[in-house]
Amino acid sequence: MINFKYKPTIIGNKVVLRPFSSEDFESIVECLKDPIVLKFTGSEGEFDRASLMKWYSSRNDQIDRLDLAIVDKLTNNVVGEVVLNEYDEVKHSMNYRILIGPKGRDKGFGSEATALIVDYVFLNTDLKQLTLGVYAFNHRGKRVYEKSGFVLESVDKDDLEFQGEMIDSFNMILKREDWEKNKELRSK
């Protein structure tokens, strides 16, 4: 079992990944209402504010997952979140997901946040791999994941109905040994 009782603060060049605080709620609501976030996460966009506030206020208490706010270093605004969840005991792996709201797009925040959390995982845990799912129409997300070393593992055909069209979901994986090879190549 993995234990994320300790919630790190990870500082990059453009973003800081840190535990959520109560002041982050309105920024997260803005992200979760964004049409692009809704599309790329396959979400409906309907939520109860009280339930959502309760959910985010409990993130720092969860030891079986890691939820961190993505903060723009220049503005100190929360622009999204990174999440490690769904621990798989057999494969000793976790699922990774990220969302970037409208104030954080087209600035390289997703790429940096993904690289930071991937490095954190493989430097500070003994997880063997990270997995994720990305819908076929999320080309930007797929590029970010590939740049971080994730590779296609399988495809779930017609996984999401979006505006009357069936969309495939790509299942991607990053194994520790591949991350180590990539890290070694980058350091040369």
Protein backbone atom coordinates (compact mmCIF):
# COMPACT_ATOMS: atom_id res chain seq x y z
CA MET A 1 0.00 0.00 0.00
CA ILE A 2 1.15 3.52 -0.76
CA ASN A 3 0.88 6.24 1.90
CA PHE A 4 0.48 9.88 0.92
CA LYS A 5 -0.08 11.23 4.44
CA TYR A 6 2.66 13.78 3.74
CA LYS A 7 1.52 16.29 1.09
CA PRO A 8 4.57 17.83 -0.59
CA THR A 9 5.08 21.25 -2.09
CA ILE A 10 6.95 20.87 -5.37
CA ILE A 11 8.45 23.99 -6.91
CA GLY A 12 9.10 24.29 -10.62
CA ASN A 13 10.12 27.16 -12.89
CA LYS A 14 6.54 28.14 -13.80
CA VAL A 15 4.31 26.35 -11.30
CA VAL A 16 4.16 25.22 -7.71
CA LEU A 17 2.33 22.01 -6.82
CA ARG A 18 1.04 22.25 -3.27
CA PRO A 19 -1.69 20.97 -0.95
CA PHE A 20 -5.09 22.59 -1.34
CA SER A 21 -6.22 25.37 1.01
CA SER A 22 -9.69 26.78 1.62
CA GLU A 23 -8.77 29.89 -0.39
CA ASP A 24 -8.44 27.74 -3.54
CA PHE A 25 -12.11 26.83 -3.79
CA GLU A 26 -13.32 29.58 -6.16
CA SER A 27 -10.39 29.01 -8.52
CA ILE A 28 -11.16 25.29 -8.66
CA VAL A 29 -14.84 26.00 -9.32
CA GLU A 30 -13.79 28.21 -12.24
CA CYS A 31 -11.65 25.37 -13.61
CA LEU A 32 -14.40 22.78 -13.20
CA LYS A 33 -16.96 24.95 -15.02
CA ASP A 34 -14.69 25.55 -18.00
CA PRO A 35 -16.10 23.99 -21.23
CA ILE A 36 -12.67 22.69 -22.30
CA VAL A 37 -12.07 21.03 -18.91
CA LEU A 38 -15.55 19.50 -19.08
CA LYS A 39 -14.90 18.16 -22.58
CA PHE A 40 -11.47 16.69 -21.87
CA THR A 41 -12.55 15.10 -18.57
CA GLY A 42 -15.83 13.76 -19.97
CA SER A 43 -17.71 15.59 -17.20
CA GLU A 44 -21.23 16.92 -17.15
CA GLY A 45 -20.49 20.21 -15.39
CA GLU A 46 -23.26 19.87 -12.85
CA PHE A 47 -22.15 19.84 -9.24
CA ASP A 48 -23.33 20.87 -5.81
CA ARG A 49 -21.09 23.62 -4.39
CA ALA A 50 -21.38 22.34 -0.81
CA SER A 51 -20.42 18.81 -1.81
CA LEU A 52 -17.56 20.11 -3.94
CA MET A 53 -16.26 22.28 -1.10
CA LYS A 54 -16.44 19.31 1.27
CA TRP A 55 -14.55 17.17 -1.30
CA TYR A 56 -11.70 19.66 -1.76
CA SER A 57 -11.45 20.41 1.95
CA SER A 58 -10.86 16.69 2.57
CA ARG A 59 -8.08 16.20 -0.01
CA ASN A 60 -5.23 16.81 2.40
CA ASP A 61 -6.57 14.12 4.77
CA GLN A 62 -6.48 11.33 2.18
CA ILE A 63 -3.53 8.96 2.57
CA ASP A 64 -4.40 6.65 -0.35
CA ARG A 65 -4.10 9.40 -2.97
CA LEU A 66 -2.30 12.66 -3.67
CA ASP A 67 -4.23 15.75 -4.80
CA LEU A 68 -2.22 18.94 -5.32
CA ALA A 69 -3.18 22.38 -6.58
CA ILE A 70 -1.28 23.74 -9.58
CA VAL A 71 -0.32 27.34 -8.81
CA ASP A 72 0.99 29.86 -11.36
CA LYS A 73 4.21 31.18 -9.76
CA LEU A 74 3.82 34.65 -11.32
CA THR A 75 0.23 35.33 -10.25
CA ASN A 76 -0.08 32.91 -7.31
CA ASN A 77 -3.43 31.80 -8.83
CA VAL A 78 -4.59 28.18 -8.67
CA VAL A 79 -4.96 27.11 -12.31
CA GLY A 80 -5.65 23.39 -11.93
CA GLU A 81 -4.80 20.19 -10.13
CA VAL A 82 -2.71 17.05 -10.38
CA VAL A 83 -3.99 13.82 -8.87
CA LEU A 84 -2.52 10.40 -8.15
CA ASN A 85 -5.29 7.93 -7.29
CA GLU A 86 -6.62 4.41 -7.88
CA TYR A 87 -3.74 2.45 -6.39
CA ASP A 88 -3.36 -0.98 -8.03
CA GLU A 89 -1.82 -3.31 -5.47
CA VAL A 90 -1.07 -6.09 -7.97
CA LYS A 91 0.82 -3.83 -10.40
CA HIS A 92 2.02 -1.45 -7.66
CA SER A 93 0.89 1.48 -9.77
CA MET A 94 -1.34 4.52 -9.61
CA ASN A 95 -3.46 6.51 -11.99
CA TYR A 96 -2.40 10.06 -12.88
CA ARG A 97 -4.70 12.85 -13.96
CA ILE A 98 -4.40 16.56 -14.44
CA LEU A 99 -6.69 19.43 -15.30
CA ILE A 100 -5.74 22.94 -16.30
CA GLY A 101 -8.36 25.69 -16.23
CA PRO A 102 -8.62 28.68 -18.56
CA LYS A 103 -6.09 30.86 -16.67
CA GLY A 104 -3.39 28.21 -16.99
CA ARG A 105 -3.56 27.10 -20.59
CA ASP A 106 -0.97 27.70 -23.31
CA LYS A 107 1.77 28.52 -20.82
CA GLY A 108 3.50 25.14 -20.47
CA PHE A 109 1.99 24.58 -17.02
CA GLY A 110 0.61 21.13 -17.87
CA SER A 111 3.96 19.93 -19.19
CA GLU A 112 5.86 21.21 -16.19
CA ALA A 113 3.31 19.97 -13.64
CA THR A 114 3.33 16.51 -15.22
CA ALA A 115 7.13 16.36 -15.28
CA LEU A 116 7.30 17.51 -11.65
CA ILE A 117 4.79 14.98 -10.34
CA VAL A 118 6.28 12.11 -12.38
CA ASP A 119 9.75 12.90 -11.04
CA TYR A 120 8.36 13.22 -7.51
CA VAL A 121 6.66 9.81 -7.73
CA PHE A 122 9.70 7.93 -9.01
CA LEU A 123 12.15 9.69 -6.69
CA ASN A 124 10.04 9.46 -3.52
CA THR A 125 7.99 6.26 -3.79
CA ASP A 126 8.62 2.71 -4.90
CA LEU A 127 5.70 2.66 -7.37
CA LYS A 128 6.50 0.63 -10.47
CA GLN A 129 4.38 2.60 -12.92
CA LEU A 130 1.88 5.37 -13.55
CA THR A 131 -1.14 4.97 -15.81
CA LEU A 132 -3.63 7.41 -17.28
CA GLY A 133 -6.48 7.70 -19.73
CA VAL A 134 -6.83 10.47 -22.30
CA TYR A 135 -9.67 10.95 -24.78
CA ALA A 136 -8.74 10.85 -28.46
CA PHE A 137 -9.74 14.47 -29.05
CA ASN A 138 -7.36 15.76 -26.35
CA HIS A 139 -4.33 16.10 -28.61
CA ARG A 140 -2.61 18.61 -26.31
CA GLY A 141 -2.86 16.27 -23.31
CA LYS A 142 -1.59 13.32 -25.32
CA ARG A 143 1.49 15.33 -26.42
CA VAL A 144 2.19 16.38 -22.82
CA TYR A 145 2.03 12.78 -21.63
CA GLU A 146 4.21 11.49 -24.47
CA LYS A 147 6.78 14.22 -23.74
CA SER A 148 6.86 12.98 -20.13
CA GLY A 149 7.52 9.40 -21.29
CA PHE A 150 4.03 7.86 -21.25
CA VAL A 151 3.37 5.39 -24.07
CA LEU A 152 0.16 3.95 -25.47
CA GLU A 153 -0.81 0.70 -23.79
CA SER A 154 -4.34 0.11 -25.12
CA VAL A 155 -7.43 1.78 -26.55
CA ASP A 156 -10.95 1.70 -25.15
CA LYS A 157 -13.09 2.06 -28.26
CA ASP A 158 -16.14 4.33 -28.06
CA ASP A 159 -15.53 5.08 -24.38
CA LEU A 160 -17.29 8.46 -24.31
CA GLU A 161 -20.28 9.90 -26.09
CA PHE A 162 -19.62 13.57 -26.83
CA GLN A 163 -22.10 15.65 -28.83
CA GLY A 164 -23.51 12.54 -30.49
CA GLU A 165 -20.09 11.15 -31.44
CA MET A 166 -18.34 8.19 -29.83
CA ILE A 167 -14.80 8.98 -28.66
CA ASP A 168 -12.00 6.49 -27.95
CA SER A 169 -9.93 6.65 -24.79
CA PHE A 170 -6.19 6.01 -24.95
CA ASN A 171 -4.72 4.17 -21.96
CA MET A 172 -1.11 5.23 -21.43
CA ILE A 173 1.59 3.95 -19.10
CA LEU A 174 4.96 5.09 -17.79
CA LYS A 175 7.07 2.39 -16.19
CA ARG A 176 9.79 3.22 -13.67
CA GLU A 177 12.53 1.68 -15.81
CA ASP A 178 11.51 3.80 -18.80
CA TRP A 179 11.46 6.94 -16.65
CA GLU A 180 14.96 6.07 -15.39
CA LYS A 181 16.23 5.64 -18.98
CA ASN A 182 14.63 8.92 -20.06
CA LYS A 183 16.01 10.75 -17.02
CA GLU A 184 19.49 9.42 -17.78
CA LEU A 185 19.24 10.55 -21.42
CA ARG A 186 18.06 14.04 -20.40
CA SER A 187 20.96 14.47 -18.00
CA LYS A 188 23.58 13.84 -20.72
